Protein backbone atom coordinates (compact mmCIF):
# COMPACT_ATOMS: atom_id res chain seq x y z
CA MET A 1 86.30 73.75 110.80
CA GLN A 2 87.16 75.65 113.96
CA LEU A 3 90.61 74.76 115.29
CA THR A 4 90.71 76.94 118.38
CA PRO A 5 88.41 77.47 121.35
CA GLU A 6 88.76 81.26 120.99
CA SER A 7 89.42 83.79 118.28
CA GLY A 8 92.97 84.19 117.09
CA TYR A 9 94.45 86.50 114.50
CA PHE A 10 97.32 86.71 112.01
CA SER A 11 97.66 82.97 111.45
CA VAL A 12 100.67 81.38 109.75
CA TRP A 13 101.06 77.77 108.60
CA THR A 14 104.32 75.92 109.14
CA ASP A 15 105.10 72.38 107.99
CA ARG A 16 103.25 70.90 110.97
CA GLU A 17 101.47 73.68 112.84
CA LEU A 18 99.12 76.61 112.64
CA ILE A 19 100.66 79.56 114.53
CA TYR A 20 98.52 82.53 115.53
CA LEU A 21 98.18 85.30 118.11
CA VAL A 22 95.70 85.44 120.99
CA ASP A 23 95.90 88.51 123.20
CA ARG A 24 99.56 88.53 124.36
CA ASN A 25 100.26 84.91 123.47
CA VAL A 26 101.79 83.27 120.42
CA VAL A 27 99.89 79.99 120.14
CA ALA A 28 100.36 76.82 118.07
CA VAL A 29 98.06 73.99 117.05
CA GLU A 30 99.77 70.90 115.66
CA THR A 31 98.10 69.68 112.48
CA GLN A 32 98.18 66.59 110.32
CA THR A 33 96.90 66.44 106.76
CA THR A 34 97.34 62.78 105.81
CA PRO A 35 95.59 60.44 105.70
CA SER A 36 92.97 62.96 106.86
CA PHE A 37 93.02 66.35 108.50
CA ARG A 38 93.51 66.39 112.27
CA ALA A 39 94.26 69.24 114.68
CA GLY A 40 95.72 68.80 118.15
CA PRO A 41 95.15 70.96 121.22
CA GLN A 42 96.41 74.53 121.25
CA ARG A 43 99.51 75.34 123.27
CA ILE A 44 101.06 78.67 124.17
CA LEU A 45 104.56 79.01 122.71
CA PHE A 46 105.44 82.29 124.41
CA GLU A 47 104.01 85.59 125.58
CA MET A 48 104.84 88.95 124.08
CA LEU A 49 103.39 92.39 123.56
CA TYR A 50 102.21 92.79 119.99
CA ASP A 51 100.51 95.95 118.78
CA ARG A 52 98.02 94.96 116.12
CA GLY A 53 97.59 98.60 115.20
CA THR A 54 94.71 99.58 112.96
CA GLU A 55 95.92 98.00 109.75
CA PRO A 56 95.08 94.41 108.82
CA LEU A 57 98.72 93.47 108.25
CA ARG A 58 100.56 90.52 109.72
CA GLU A 59 103.88 91.91 110.89
CA TYR A 60 105.57 88.67 111.78
CA ASP A 61 106.56 85.46 110.10
CA VAL A 62 107.70 81.98 111.04
CA THR A 63 110.12 79.66 109.28
CA ARG A 64 108.64 76.53 107.71
CA ASP A 65 110.04 74.38 110.50
CA GLY A 66 108.43 76.65 113.13
CA GLN A 67 111.72 77.22 114.95
CA THR A 68 112.39 80.90 114.13
CA PHE A 69 110.09 83.90 114.47
CA VAL A 70 110.63 87.39 113.08
CA PHE A 71 108.55 90.31 114.36
CA VAL A 72 108.45 93.86 113.05
CA GLY A 73 108.46 96.14 116.06
CA GLY A 74 108.71 99.74 117.06
CA ALA A 75 109.16 101.83 120.15
CA GLY A 76 105.53 101.53 121.18
CA GLU A 77 104.20 104.35 119.03
CA LYS A 78 101.81 103.57 116.24
CA LEU A 79 103.61 104.26 113.01
CA ARG A 80 102.25 103.99 109.55
CA LYS A 81 104.21 101.29 107.83
CA GLU A 82 104.74 101.29 104.10
CA VAL A 83 106.22 98.83 101.67
CA ASP A 84 107.79 100.13 98.48
CA VAL A 85 107.48 97.75 95.56
CA VAL A 86 109.95 98.34 92.74
CA LEU A 87 108.99 96.89 89.39
CA ASN A 88 111.57 96.11 86.73
CA TRP A 89 114.35 96.59 89.31
CA THR A 90 116.88 94.54 87.34
CA SER A 91 116.79 97.03 84.45
CA GLU A 92 117.23 99.95 86.85
CA LEU A 93 120.13 98.17 88.55
CA GLY A 94 121.78 97.53 85.19
CA ARG A 95 121.38 101.18 84.23
CA GLN A 96 122.95 102.36 87.50
CA VAL A 97 125.86 99.92 87.19
CA SER A 98 126.60 100.96 83.62
CA GLU A 99 126.50 104.67 84.61
CA ARG A 100 129.05 104.04 87.36
CA GLY A 101 131.33 102.29 84.92
CA LYS A 102 131.53 105.35 82.64
């Protein structure tokens, strides 16, 4: 089911809306899931510059209530962004704490 009249990207669901980006606009479509699915008209929340870069990563998020947005930004240059995932971090933390206590 198409919810928007144009293509959007990097969509996020909140409790009541689908938020996504279109060109320089952050757009919302109010949705309802009960008793059946319904989508309202799209509305522009605000305008901002957002560099999609070349990676298919969504670099923003929205709180469940749709009231707070967090964007990862830079100084305009395209930087490669990395995420370090640490497995078994609680064991490493315990080891470091016990070494400091010696």
